[in-house]
Amino acid sequence: MSLRDVRYQRGGSEPSTGFDCSGFVRYVFRHTAGSDLPRNSASQYLAGTEIDPSDMKTGDLVFFHVHGKRISHVGIYLGNGQFIHSPSTGKHVSISRLNEAYWARRFAGAKRPNVLS
């Protein structure tokens, strides 16, 4: 939560320079679980165990099809239908709801990183 106001930066992976979505997720897991996740959202999607959305727990990763049909966005599930992510240019790390129309239409699934299994 201390990273909530860090700005979006394409390719960013540190609080001092900003984060893109996968850089944010990778940074959080490296500093909280000591685990290195892959660098981009599509690779992060391939790492971990698929879970039913009704079984999601805090720390699970949520994935989205923002650009076409490929996995192109990732966030960290917080519980109660909320996730934290670094959304896009001009924005900052923030909390969104999975049931917001924009995210609900683009939801691609949830994965539990191996470090949490």
Protein backbone atom coordinates (compact mmCIF):
# COMPACT_ATOMS: atom_id res chain seq x y z
CA MET A 1 0.00 0.00 0.00
CA SER A 2 2.97 2.32 0.52
CA LEU A 3 3.48 2.28 -3.27
CA ARG A 4 -0.02 3.58 -4.09
CA ASP A 5 1.04 6.94 -5.44
CA VAL A 6 4.01 5.81 -7.53
CA ARG A 7 3.46 6.96 -11.09
CA TYR A 8 3.06 4.73 -14.12
CA GLN A 9 6.16 4.40 -16.29
CA ARG A 10 6.28 2.05 -19.26
CA GLY A 11 9.02 -0.49 -18.55
CA GLY A 12 9.36 0.84 -15.00
CA SER A 13 10.28 -1.52 -12.20
CA GLU A 14 11.35 0.68 -9.26
CA PRO A 15 9.49 3.19 -7.07
CA SER A 16 12.05 5.88 -7.90
CA THR A 17 11.38 5.67 -11.64
CA GLY A 18 7.77 4.46 -11.70
CA PHE A 19 6.14 1.14 -12.53
CA ASP A 20 4.33 -0.50 -15.36
CA CYS A 21 1.86 -3.19 -14.29
CA SER A 22 4.19 -6.18 -14.41
CA GLY A 23 7.11 -4.21 -12.95
CA PHE A 24 4.92 -3.29 -9.99
CA VAL A 25 3.86 -6.92 -9.40
CA ARG A 26 7.43 -8.16 -9.77
CA TYR A 27 8.75 -5.53 -7.34
CA VAL A 28 6.11 -6.37 -4.70
CA PHE A 29 6.80 -10.11 -4.88
CA ARG A 30 10.58 -9.62 -4.81
CA HIS A 31 10.37 -7.41 -1.71
CA THR A 32 7.63 -9.23 0.21
CA ALA A 33 8.05 -12.90 -0.73
CA GLY A 34 11.66 -12.95 -1.96
CA SER A 35 10.43 -14.36 -5.26
CA ASP A 36 11.37 -13.23 -8.77
CA LEU A 37 8.41 -13.37 -11.10
CA PRO A 38 8.83 -13.05 -14.88
CA ARG A 39 9.11 -9.50 -16.25
CA ASN A 40 5.95 -9.14 -18.35
CA SER A 41 2.27 -9.84 -17.68
CA ALA A 42 1.97 -12.60 -20.31
CA SER A 43 4.93 -14.49 -18.76
CA GLN A 44 3.56 -13.91 -15.26
CA TYR A 45 0.29 -15.46 -16.43
CA LEU A 46 2.16 -18.62 -17.44
CA ALA A 47 3.86 -18.85 -14.02
CA GLY A 48 1.55 -20.10 -11.31
CA THR A 49 -1.57 -22.13 -10.83
CA GLU A 50 -4.89 -21.14 -12.37
CA ILE A 51 -7.60 -20.63 -9.79
CA ASP A 52 -11.31 -20.09 -9.95
CA PRO A 53 -12.21 -16.44 -9.35
CA SER A 54 -14.45 -17.53 -6.47
CA ASP A 55 -11.36 -19.00 -4.75
CA MET A 56 -9.13 -15.94 -5.04
CA LYS A 57 -7.13 -14.92 -1.98
CA THR A 58 -5.10 -11.84 -1.14
CA GLY A 59 -1.87 -11.95 -3.13
CA ASP A 60 -3.25 -13.83 -6.12
CA LEU A 61 -2.62 -12.24 -9.49
CA VAL A 62 -5.47 -11.03 -11.70
CA PHE A 63 -4.98 -10.74 -15.45
CA PHE A 64 -6.68 -8.76 -18.17
CA HIS A 65 -6.95 -8.49 -21.97
CA VAL A 66 -6.46 -4.73 -22.31
CA HIS A 67 -4.90 -4.82 -25.81
CA GLY A 68 -6.69 -7.37 -27.95
CA LYS A 69 -6.86 -11.02 -26.92
CA ARG A 70 -3.42 -11.33 -25.36
CA ILE A 71 -2.71 -10.97 -21.66
CA SER A 72 -1.60 -7.37 -21.34
CA HIS A 73 -2.30 -6.26 -17.76
CA VAL A 74 -1.80 -7.68 -14.27
CA GLY A 75 -2.65 -6.65 -10.73
CA ILE A 76 -2.54 -8.10 -7.21
CA TYR A 77 -5.82 -9.19 -5.65
CA LEU A 78 -6.53 -7.55 -2.28
CA GLY A 79 -9.78 -9.28 -1.34
CA ASN A 80 -13.36 -8.03 -1.41
CA GLY A 81 -13.28 -7.72 -5.19
CA GLN A 82 -10.42 -5.20 -5.18
CA PHE A 83 -6.97 -5.28 -6.75
CA ILE A 84 -3.97 -2.98 -6.76
CA HIS A 85 -2.12 -2.21 -9.99
CA SER A 86 -0.21 0.34 -12.02
CA PRO A 87 -2.85 1.16 -14.64
CA SER A 88 -1.56 3.33 -17.48
CA THR A 89 0.28 6.45 -18.62
CA GLY A 90 -0.65 9.50 -16.59
CA LYS A 91 -1.92 7.45 -13.65
CA HIS A 92 -0.45 6.10 -10.41
CA VAL A 93 -0.51 2.77 -8.59
CA SER A 94 -4.09 2.53 -7.39
CA ILE A 95 -6.86 0.24 -6.25
CA SER A 96 -9.68 -0.77 -8.59
CA ARG A 97 -12.66 -3.11 -8.38
CA LEU A 98 -12.98 -6.22 -10.50
CA ASN A 99 -16.66 -5.49 -11.04
CA GLU A 100 -16.02 -2.07 -12.60
CA ALA A 101 -17.33 -2.34 -16.16
CA TYR A 102 -13.92 -1.65 -17.76
CA TRP A 103 -12.12 -4.38 -15.80
CA ALA A 104 -14.98 -6.89 -15.74
CA ARG A 105 -15.14 -6.88 -19.57
CA ARG A 106 -11.40 -7.48 -19.83
CA PHE A 107 -10.87 -10.00 -17.01
CA ALA A 108 -8.84 -12.98 -18.28
CA GLY A 109 -8.40 -15.01 -15.11
CA ALA A 110 -6.54 -15.39 -11.86
CA LYS A 111 -3.37 -17.25 -10.96
CA ARG A 112 -1.75 -18.13 -7.67
CA PRO A 113 2.01 -17.61 -7.93
CA ASN A 114 3.97 -20.72 -6.99
CA VAL A 115 5.53 -18.87 -4.06
CA LEU A 116 2.03 -18.63 -2.48
CA SER A 117 1.04 -22.25 -3.12
